[in-house]
């Protein structure tokens, strides 16, 4: 099943409630369906706003999306060079 923001909201609230009840912080790892950097940013904002800065570390929050790397590379290329790379450009070796 793909990670969606509505399900993420429910999970964040369950994590927050569990922490309030037990004092134990548990993590969140959305996976599937996160393929572009804008989606990853939406998840970062959700976690920051709903759970707080303490959850913005690799022990408590990770995105399980290997396909996301190529989009991040593409966006960084556009930032550095002012244009998106050609489709056949090798960005990472």
PDB file of N, CA and C in Angstrom:
ATOM      1  N   UNK A   1       0.840  -1.182   0.000  1.00  0.00           N
ATOM      2  CA  UNK A   1       0.000   0.000   0.000  1.00  0.00           C
ATOM      3  C   UNK A   1       0.885   1.246   0.000  1.00  0.00           C
ATOM      4  N   UNK A   2       0.521   2.222  -0.795  1.00  0.00           N
ATOM      5  CA  UNK A   2       1.299   3.453  -0.862  1.00  0.00           C
ATOM      6  C   UNK A   2       1.043   4.342   0.339  1.00  0.00           C
ATOM      7  N   UNK A   3       2.084   5.028   0.751  1.00  0.00           N
ATOM      8  CA  UNK A   3       1.980   5.988   1.849  1.00  0.00           C
ATOM      9  C   UNK A   3       1.189   7.195   1.358  1.00  0.00           C
ATOM     10  N   UNK A   4       0.183   7.575   2.108  1.00  0.00           N
ATOM     11  CA  UNK A   4      -0.601   8.759   1.766  1.00  0.00           C
ATOM     12  C   UNK A   4      -0.618   9.697   2.973  1.00  0.00           C
ATOM     13  N   UNK A   5      -0.762  10.960   2.705  1.00  0.00           N
ATOM     14  CA  UNK A   5      -0.780  11.954   3.784  1.00  0.00           C
ATOM     15  C   UNK A   5      -1.952  11.713   4.749  1.00  0.00           C
ATOM     16  N   UNK A   6      -3.166  11.419   4.276  1.00  0.00           N
ATOM     17  CA  UNK A   6      -4.244  11.164   5.249  1.00  0.00           C
ATOM     18  C   UNK A   6      -3.932  10.012   6.219  1.00  0.00           C
ATOM     19  N   UNK A   7      -3.349   8.941   5.707  1.00  0.00           N
ATOM     20  CA  UNK A   7      -2.964   7.836   6.588  1.00  0.00           C
ATOM     21  C   UNK A   7      -1.817   8.278   7.494  1.00  0.00           C
ATOM     22  N   UNK A   8      -0.917   9.099   6.961  1.00  0.00           N
ATOM     23  CA  UNK A   8       0.178   9.635   7.767  1.00  0.00           C
ATOM     24  C   UNK A   8      -0.312  10.465   8.941  1.00  0.00           C
ATOM     25  N   UNK A   9      -1.361  11.228   8.716  1.00  0.00           N
ATOM     26  CA  UNK A   9      -1.937  12.031   9.794  1.00  0.00           C
ATOM     27  C   UNK A   9      -2.449  11.116  10.910  1.00  0.00           C
ATOM     28  N   UNK A  10      -3.156  10.064  10.529  1.00  0.00           N
ATOM     29  CA  UNK A  10      -3.666   9.114  11.520  1.00  0.00           C
ATOM     30  C   UNK A  10      -2.512   8.471  12.285  1.00  0.00           C
ATOM     31  N   UNK A  11      -1.468   8.059  11.564  1.00  0.00           N
ATOM     32  CA  UNK A  11      -0.318   7.427  12.213  1.00  0.00           C
ATOM     33  C   UNK A  11       0.393   8.403  13.152  1.00  0.00           C
ATOM     34  N   UNK A  12       0.585   9.639  12.720  1.00  0.00           N
ATOM     35  CA  UNK A  12       1.244  10.632  13.576  1.00  0.00           C
ATOM     36  C   UNK A  12       0.440  10.873  14.854  1.00  0.00           C
ATOM     37  N   UNK A  13      -0.853  10.932  14.725  1.00  0.00           N
ATOM     38  CA  UNK A  13      -1.684  11.150  15.919  1.00  0.00           C
ATOM     39  C   UNK A  13      -1.640   9.956  16.853  1.00  0.00           C
ATOM     40  N   UNK A  14      -1.575   8.754  16.282  1.00  0.00           N
ATOM     41  CA  UNK A  14      -1.450   7.558  17.124  1.00  0.00           C
ATOM     42  C   UNK A  14      -0.095   7.547  17.829  1.00  0.00           C
ATOM     43  N   UNK A  15       0.958   7.942  17.129  1.00  0.00           N
ATOM     44  CA  UNK A  15       2.298   8.019  17.729  1.00  0.00           C
ATOM     45  C   UNK A  15       2.313   9.058  18.842  1.00  0.00           C
ATOM     46  N   UNK A  16       1.708  10.205  18.585  1.00  0.00           N
ATOM     47  CA  UNK A  16       1.657  11.273  19.596  1.00  0.00           C
ATOM     48  C   UNK A  16       0.879  10.812  20.831  1.00  0.00           C
ATOM     49  N   UNK A  17      -0.252  10.148  20.623  1.00  0.00           N
ATOM     50  CA  UNK A  17      -1.042   9.641  21.751  1.00  0.00           C
ATOM     51  C   UNK A  17      -0.270   8.589  22.534  1.00  0.00           C
ATOM     52  N   UNK A  18       0.421   7.709  21.830  1.00  0.00           N
ATOM     53  CA  UNK A  18       1.208   6.668  22.494  1.00  0.00           C
ATOM     54  C   UNK A  18       2.318   7.294  23.346  1.00  0.00           C
ATOM     55  N   UNK A  19       2.966   8.317  22.798  1.00  0.00           N
ATOM     56  CA  UNK A  19       4.018   9.010  23.547  1.00  0.00           C
ATOM     57  C   UNK A  19       3.444   9.683  24.792  1.00  0.00           C
ATOM     58  N   UNK A  20       2.298  10.316  24.651  1.00  0.00           N
ATOM     59  CA  UNK A  20       1.662  10.974  25.806  1.00  0.00           C
ATOM     60  C   UNK A  20       1.286   9.961  26.889  1.00  0.00           C
ATOM     61  N   UNK A  21       0.903   8.774  26.476  1.00  0.00           N
ATOM     62  CA  UNK A  21       0.479   7.739  27.411  1.00  0.00           C
ATOM     63  C   UNK A  21       1.653   7.023  28.074  1.00  0.00           C
ATOM     64  N   UNK A  22       2.713   6.777  27.311  1.00  0.00           N
ATOM     65  CA  UNK A  22       3.811   5.937  27.806  1.00  0.00           C
ATOM     66  C   UNK A  22       5.125   6.674  28.032  1.00  0.00           C
ATOM     67  N   UNK A  23       5.299   7.828  27.384  1.00  0.00           N
ATOM     68  CA  UNK A  23       6.583   8.521  27.438  1.00  0.00           C
ATOM     69  C   UNK A  23       7.625   7.910  26.520  1.00  0.00           C
ATOM     70  N   UNK A  24       7.229   6.939  25.723  1.00  0.00           N
ATOM     71  CA  UNK A  24       8.135   6.243  24.804  1.00  0.00           C
ATOM     72  C   UNK A  24       7.923   6.761  23.383  1.00  0.00           C
ATOM     73  N   UNK A  25       8.994   7.211  22.752  1.00  0.00           N
ATOM     74  CA  UNK A  25       8.913   7.696  21.377  1.00  0.00           C
ATOM     75  C   UNK A  25       9.096   6.533  20.409  1.00  0.00           C
ATOM     76  N   UNK A  26       8.148   6.397  19.503  1.00  0.00           N
ATOM     77  CA  UNK A  26       8.267   5.413  18.438  1.00  0.00           C
ATOM     78  C   UNK A  26       8.351   6.157  17.113  1.00  0.00           C
ATOM     79  N   UNK A  27       8.943   5.509  16.130  1.00  0.00           N
ATOM     80  CA  UNK A  27       9.199   6.162  14.865  1.00  0.00           C
ATOM     81  C   UNK A  27       8.134   5.922  13.812  1.00  0.00           C
ATOM     82  N   UNK A  28       8.347   6.585  12.692  1.00  0.00           N
ATOM     83  CA  UNK A  28       7.456   6.509  11.542  1.00  0.00           C
ATOM     84  C   UNK A  28       8.307   6.331  10.297  1.00  0.00           C
ATOM     85  N   UNK A  29       7.934   5.362   9.456  1.00  0.00           N
ATOM     86  CA  UNK A  29       8.638   5.148   8.192  1.00  0.00           C
ATOM     87  C   UNK A  29       7.617   4.922   7.085  1.00  0.00           C
ATOM     88  N   UNK A  30       7.156   6.009   6.452  1.00  0.00           N
ATOM     89  CA  UNK A  30       6.247   5.825   5.329  1.00  0.00           C
ATOM     90  C   UNK A  30       7.007   5.223   4.148  1.00  0.00           C
ATOM     91  N   UNK A  31       6.351   4.347   3.413  1.00  0.00           N
ATOM     92  CA  UNK A  31       7.003   3.697   2.270  1.00  0.00           C
ATOM     93  C   UNK A  31       5.989   3.489   1.157  1.00  0.00           C
ATOM     94  N   UNK A  32       6.493   3.536  -0.041  1.00  0.00           N
ATOM     95  CA  UNK A  32       5.655   3.301  -1.205  1.00  0.00           C
ATOM     96  C   UNK A  32       4.930   4.544  -1.658  1.00  0.00           C
ATOM     97  N   UNK A  33       5.060   4.859  -2.918  1.00  0.00           N
ATOM     98  CA  UNK A  33       4.331   5.990  -3.477  1.00  0.00           C
ATOM     99  C   UNK A  33       5.010   7.330  -3.322  1.00  0.00           C
ATOM    100  N   UNK A  34       6.112   7.400  -2.594  1.00  0.00           N
ATOM    101  CA  UNK A  34       6.834   8.666  -2.422  1.00  0.00           C
ATOM    102  C   UNK A  34       7.971   8.665  -3.448  1.00  0.00           C
ATOM    103  N   UNK A  35       7.718   9.308  -4.586  1.00  0.00           N
ATOM    104  CA  UNK A  35       8.670   9.235  -5.688  1.00  0.00           C
ATOM    105  C   UNK A  35       9.270  10.581  -6.080  1.00  0.00           C
ATOM    106  N   UNK A  36       8.666  11.660  -5.630  1.00  0.00           N
ATOM    107  CA  UNK A  36       9.187  12.985  -5.980  1.00  0.00           C
ATOM    108  C   UNK A  36       9.472  13.776  -4.712  1.00  0.00           C
ATOM    109  N   UNK A  37      10.405  14.709  -4.837  1.00  0.00           N
ATOM    110  CA  UNK A  37      10.855  15.463  -3.668  1.00  0.00           C
ATOM    111  C   UNK A  37       9.729  16.260  -3.016  1.00  0.00           C
ATOM    112  N   UNK A  38       8.773  16.716  -3.785  1.00  0.00           N
ATOM    113  CA  UNK A  38       7.642  17.464  -3.206  1.00  0.00           C
ATOM    114  C   UNK A  38       6.842  16.590  -2.247  1.00  0.00           C
ATOM    115  N   UNK A  39       6.691  15.308  -2.582  1.00  0.00           N
ATOM    116  CA  UNK A  39       5.997  14.391  -1.671  1.00  0.00           C
ATOM    117  C   UNK A  39       6.797  14.219  -0.381  1.00  0.00           C
ATOM    118  N   UNK A  40       8.112  14.091  -0.510  1.00  0.00           N
ATOM    119  CA  UNK A  40       8.967  13.944   0.675  1.00  0.00           C
ATOM    120  C   UNK A  40       8.865  15.181   1.564  1.00  0.00           C
ATOM    121  N   UNK A  41       8.833  16.366   0.956  1.00  0.00           N
ATOM    122  CA  UNK A  41       8.689  17.595   1.733  1.00  0.00           C
ATOM    123  C   UNK A  41       7.357  17.634   2.474  1.00  0.00           C
ATOM    124  N   UNK A  42       6.295  17.152   1.827  1.00  0.00           N
ATOM    125  CA  UNK A  42       4.993  17.092   2.505  1.00  0.00           C
ATOM    126  C   UNK A  42       5.067  16.220   3.748  1.00  0.00           C
ATOM    127  N   UNK A  43       5.781  15.092   3.662  1.00  0.00           N
ATOM    128  CA  UNK A  43       5.933  14.217   4.829  1.00  0.00           C
ATOM    129  C   UNK A  43       6.775  14.880   5.918  1.00  0.00           C
ATOM    130  N   UNK A  44       7.822  15.582   5.524  1.00  0.00           N
ATOM    131  CA  UNK A  44       8.642  16.291   6.517  1.00  0.00           C
ATOM    132  C   UNK A  44       7.819  17.331   7.261  1.00  0.00           C
ATOM    133  N   UNK A  45       7.013  18.083   6.530  1.00  0.00           N
ATOM    134  CA  UNK A  45       6.157  19.103   7.156  1.00  0.00           C
ATOM    135  C   UNK A  45       5.147  18.443   8.087  1.00  0.00           C
ATOM    136  N   UNK A  46       4.536  17.347   7.642  1.00  0.00           N
ATOM    137  CA  UNK A  46       3.574  16.642   8.482  1.00  0.00           C
ATOM    138  C   UNK A  46       4.205  16.207   9.800  1.00  0.00           C
ATOM    139  N   UNK A  47       5.360  15.570   9.731  1.00  0.00           N
ATOM    140  CA  UNK A  47       6.019  15.087  10.946  1.00  0.00           C
ATOM    141  C   UNK A  47       6.407  16.247  11.852  1.00  0.00           C
ATOM    142  N   UNK A  48       6.961  17.304  11.268  1.00  0.00           N
ATOM    143  CA  UNK A  48       7.364  18.458  12.079  1.00  0.00           C
ATOM    144  C   UNK A  48       6.163  19.091  12.767  1.00  0.00           C
ATOM    145  N   UNK A  49       5.086  19.292  12.031  1.00  0.00           N
ATOM    146  CA  UNK A  49       3.921  19.974  12.589  1.00  0.00           C
ATOM    147  C   UNK A  49       3.140  19.101  13.571  1.00  0.00           C
ATOM    148  N   UNK A  50       3.078  17.808  13.307  1.00  0.00           N
ATOM    149  CA  UNK A  50       2.252  16.946  14.152  1.00  0.00           C
ATOM    150  C   UNK A  50       3.017  16.346  15.323  1.00  0.00           C
ATOM    151  N   UNK A  51       4.276  15.978  15.108  1.00  0.00           N
ATOM    152  CA  UNK A  51       5.063  15.328  16.160  1.00  0.00           C
ATOM    153  C   UNK A  51       6.146  16.224  16.746  1.00  0.00           C
ATOM    154  N   UNK A  52       6.640  17.172  15.969  1.00  0.00           N
ATOM    155  CA  UNK A  52       7.654  18.091  16.466  1.00  0.00           C
ATOM    156  C   UNK A  52       9.055  17.768  15.967  1.00  0.00           C
ATOM    157  N   UNK A  53       9.964  18.668  16.274  1.00  0.00           N
ATOM    158  CA  UNK A  53      11.347  18.551  15.803  1.00  0.00           C
ATOM    159  C   UNK A  53      12.068  17.310  16.311  1.00  0.00           C
ATOM    160  N   UNK A  54      11.670  16.806  17.482  1.00  0.00           N
ATOM    161  CA  UNK A  54      12.337  15.612  18.024  1.00  0.00           C
ATOM    162  C   UNK A  54      12.237  14.418  17.084  1.00  0.00           C
ATOM    163  N   UNK A  55      11.207  14.372  16.265  1.00  0.00           N
ATOM    164  CA  UNK A  55      11.020  13.245  15.355  1.00  0.00           C
ATOM    165  C   UNK A  55      11.751  13.443  14.029  1.00  0.00           C
ATOM    166  N   UNK A  56      12.343  14.593  13.800  1.00  0.00           N
ATOM    167  CA  UNK A  56      13.023  14.833  12.531  1.00  0.00           C
ATOM    168  C   UNK A  56      14.479  14.371  12.597  1.00  0.00           C
ATOM    169  N   UNK A  57      14.672  13.098  12.854  1.00  0.00           N
ATOM    170  CA  UNK A  57      15.997  12.492  12.824  1.00  0.00           C
ATOM    171  C   UNK A  57      15.852  11.060  12.328  1.00  0.00           C
ATOM    172  N   UNK A  58      16.946  10.472  11.908  1.00  0.00           N
ATOM    173  CA  UNK A  58      16.885   9.150  11.275  1.00  0.00           C
ATOM    174  C   UNK A  58      16.511   8.023  12.234  1.00  0.00           C
ATOM    175  N   UNK A  59      16.556   8.269  13.533  1.00  0.00           N
ATOM    176  CA  UNK A  59      16.119   7.245  14.478  1.00  0.00           C
ATOM    177  C   UNK A  59      14.595   7.148  14.552  1.00  0.00           C
ATOM    178  N   UNK A  60      13.911   8.263  14.324  1.00  0.00           N
ATOM    179  CA  UNK A  60      12.461   8.298  14.489  1.00  0.00           C
ATOM    180  C   UNK A  60      11.683   8.550  13.207  1.00  0.00           C
ATOM    181  N   UNK A  61      12.350   8.982  12.156  1.00  0.00           N
ATOM    182  CA  UNK A  61      11.642   9.251  10.901  1.00  0.00           C
ATOM    183  C   UNK A  61      12.543   8.962   9.712  1.00  0.00           C
ATOM    184  N   UNK A  62      12.089   8.064   8.868  1.00  0.00           N
ATOM    185  CA  UNK A  62      12.781   7.765   7.609  1.00  0.00           C
ATOM    186  C   UNK A  62      11.732   7.567   6.526  1.00  0.00           C
ATOM    187  N   UNK A  63      12.088   7.909   5.319  1.00  0.00           N
ATOM    188  CA  UNK A  63      11.199   7.682   4.181  1.00  0.00           C
ATOM    189  C   UNK A  63      11.719   6.470   3.429  1.00  0.00           C
ATOM    190  N   UNK A  64      10.889   5.469   3.281  1.00  0.00           N
ATOM    191  CA  UNK A  64      11.267   4.258   2.573  1.00  0.00           C
ATOM    192  C   UNK A  64      10.910   4.376   1.107  1.00  0.00           C
ATOM    193  N   UNK A  65      11.744   5.081   0.355  1.00  0.00           N
ATOM    194  CA  UNK A  65      11.448   5.314  -1.058  1.00  0.00           C
ATOM    195  C   UNK A  65      12.739   5.411  -1.857  1.00  0.00           C
ATOM    196  N   UNK A  66      13.231   4.280  -2.318  1.00  0.00           N
ATOM    197  CA  UNK A  66      14.486   4.287  -3.067  1.00  0.00           C
ATOM    198  C   UNK A  66      14.359   5.046  -4.383  1.00  0.00           C
ATOM    199  N   UNK A  67      13.175   5.079  -4.955  1.00  0.00           N
ATOM    200  CA  UNK A  67      12.968   5.794  -6.208  1.00  0.00           C
ATOM    201  C   UNK A  67      13.042   7.303  -6.061  1.00  0.00           C
ATOM    202  N   UNK A  68      12.992   7.792  -4.863  1.00  0.00           N
ATOM    203  CA  UNK A  68      13.032   9.229  -4.603  1.00  0.00           C
ATOM    204  C   UNK A  68      14.396   9.838  -4.922  1.00  0.00           C
ATOM    205  N   UNK A  69      15.448   9.056  -4.807  1.00  0.00           N
ATOM    206  CA  UNK A  69      16.808   9.574  -4.996  1.00  0.00           C
ATOM    207  C   UNK A  69      16.994  10.222  -6.355  1.00  0.00           C
ATOM    208  N   UNK A  70      16.507   9.607  -7.415  1.00  0.00           N
ATOM    209  CA  UNK A  70      16.715  10.170  -8.751  1.00  0.00           C
ATOM    210  C   UNK A  70      16.016  11.521  -8.896  1.00  0.00           C
ATOM    211  N   UNK A  71      14.853  11.695  -8.274  1.00  0.00           N
ATOM    212  CA  UNK A  71      14.182  12.988  -8.349  1.00  0.00           C
ATOM    213  C   UNK A  71      14.942  14.055  -7.568  1.00  0.00           C
ATOM    214  N   UNK A  72      15.477  13.690  -6.415  1.00  0.00           N
ATOM    215  CA  UNK A  72      16.272  14.638  -5.635  1.00  0.00           C
ATOM    216  C   UNK A  72      17.512  15.052  -6.416  1.00  0.00           C
ATOM    217  N   UNK A  73      18.179  14.095  -7.059  1.00  0.00           N
ATOM    218  CA  UNK A  73      19.349  14.417  -7.896  1.00  0.00           C
ATOM    219  C   UNK A  73      18.960  15.368  -9.019  1.00  0.00           C
ATOM    220  N   UNK A  74      17.820  15.107  -9.636  1.00  0.00           N
ATOM    221  CA  UNK A  74      17.339  15.948 -10.732  1.00  0.00           C
ATOM    222  C   UNK A  74      17.063  17.373 -10.252  1.00  0.00           C
ATOM    223  N   UNK A  75      16.436  17.503  -9.096  1.00  0.00           N
ATOM    224  CA  UNK A  75      16.148  18.832  -8.541  1.00  0.00           C
ATOM    225  C   UNK A  75      17.432  19.572  -8.153  1.00  0.00           C
ATOM    226  N   UNK A  76      18.393  18.854  -7.584  1.00  0.00           N
ATOM    227  CA  UNK A  76      19.672  19.487  -7.239  1.00  0.00           C
ATOM    228  C   UNK A  76      20.414  19.953  -8.487  1.00  0.00           C
ATOM    229  N   UNK A  77      20.362  19.173  -9.542  1.00  0.00           N
ATOM    230  CA  UNK A  77      20.982  19.551 -10.813  1.00  0.00           C
ATOM    231  C   UNK A  77      20.352  20.851 -11.324  1.00  0.00           C
ATOM    232  N   UNK A  78      19.026  20.914 -11.294  1.00  0.00           N
ATOM    233  CA  UNK A  78      18.330  22.119 -11.756  1.00  0.00           C
ATOM    234  C   UNK A  78      18.696  23.326 -10.904  1.00  0.00           C
ATOM    235  N   UNK A  79      18.836  23.120  -9.612  1.00  0.00           N
ATOM    236  CA  UNK A  79      19.228  24.213  -8.722  1.00  0.00           C
ATOM    237  C   UNK A  79      20.640  24.703  -9.047  1.00  0.00           C
ATOM    238  N   UNK A  80      21.543  23.768  -9.278  1.00  0.00           N
ATOM    239  CA  UNK A  80      22.947  24.116  -9.517  1.00  0.00           C
ATOM    240  C   UNK A  80      23.168  24.728 -10.900  1.00  0.00           C
ATOM    241  N   UNK A  81      22.463  24.239 -11.913  1.00  0.00           N
ATOM    242  CA  UNK A  81      22.737  24.648 -13.290  1.00  0.00           C
ATOM    243  C   UNK A  81      21.635  25.481 -13.926  1.00  0.00           C
ATOM    244  N   UNK A  82      20.538  25.708 -13.211  1.00  0.00           N
ATOM    245  CA  UNK A  82      19.469  26.550 -13.735  1.00  0.00           C
ATOM    246  C   UNK A  82      18.595  25.877 -14.775  1.00  0.00           C
ATOM    247  N   UNK A  83      18.750  24.590 -14.959  1.00  0.00           N
ATOM    248  CA  UNK A  83      17.939  23.833 -15.910  1.00  0.00           C
ATOM    249  C   UNK A  83      17.925  22.374 -15.490  1.00  0.00           C
ATOM    250  N   UNK A  84      16.919  21.666 -15.939  1.00  0.00           N
ATOM    251  CA  UNK A  84      16.856  20.240 -15.636  1.00  0.00           C
ATOM    252  C   UNK A  84      17.765  19.473 -16.582  1.00  0.00           C
ATOM    253  N   UNK A  85      18.324  18.354 -16.128  1.00  0.00           N
ATOM    254  CA  UNK A  85      19.216  17.581 -16.998  1.00  0.00           C
ATOM    255  C   UNK A  85      18.465  16.933 -18.154  1.00  0.00           C
ATOM    256  N   UNK A  86      19.184  16.645 -19.216  1.00  0.00           N
ATOM    257  CA  UNK A  86      18.619  15.891 -20.326  1.00  0.00           C
ATOM    258  C   UNK A  86      18.276  14.487 -19.844  1.00  0.00           C
ATOM    259  N   UNK A  87      17.288  13.853 -20.446  1.00  0.00           N
ATOM    260  CA  UNK A  87      16.857  12.527 -19.963  1.00  0.00           C
ATOM    261  C   UNK A  87      17.977  11.484 -19.864  1.00  0.00           C
ATOM    262  N   UNK A  88      18.966  11.543 -20.714  1.00  0.00           N
ATOM    263  CA  UNK A  88      20.021  10.529 -20.715  1.00  0.00           C
ATOM    264  C   UNK A  88      21.256  10.925 -19.929  1.00  0.00           C
ATOM    265  N   UNK A  89      21.184  12.023 -19.174  1.00  0.00           N
ATOM    266  CA  UNK A  89      22.333  12.487 -18.397  1.00  0.00           C
ATOM    267  C   UNK A  89      22.513  11.616 -17.180  1.00  0.00           C
ATOM    268  N   UNK A  90      23.730  11.090 -17.015  1.00  0.00           N
ATOM    269  CA  UNK A  90      24.060  10.295 -15.819  1.00  0.00           C
ATOM    270  C   UNK A  90      24.405  11.260 -14.696  1.00  0.00           C
ATOM    271  N   UNK A  91      23.611  11.236 -13.607  1.00  0.00           N
ATOM    272  CA  UNK A  91      23.831  12.168 -12.515  1.00  0.00           C
ATOM    273  C   UNK A  91      24.699  11.588 -11.409  1.00  0.00           C
ATOM    274  N   UNK A  92      24.599  10.328 -11.164  1.00  0.00           N
ATOM    275  CA  UNK A  92      25.377   9.705 -10.085  1.00  0.00           C
ATOM    276  C   UNK A  92      26.168   8.527 -10.646  1.00  0.00           C
ATOM    277  N   UNK A  93      27.376   8.405 -10.183  1.00  0.00           N
ATOM    278  CA  UNK A  93      28.198   7.288 -10.663  1.00  0.00           C
ATOM    279  C   UNK A  93      28.388   6.279  -9.570  1.00  0.00           C
TER     280      UNK A  93
END
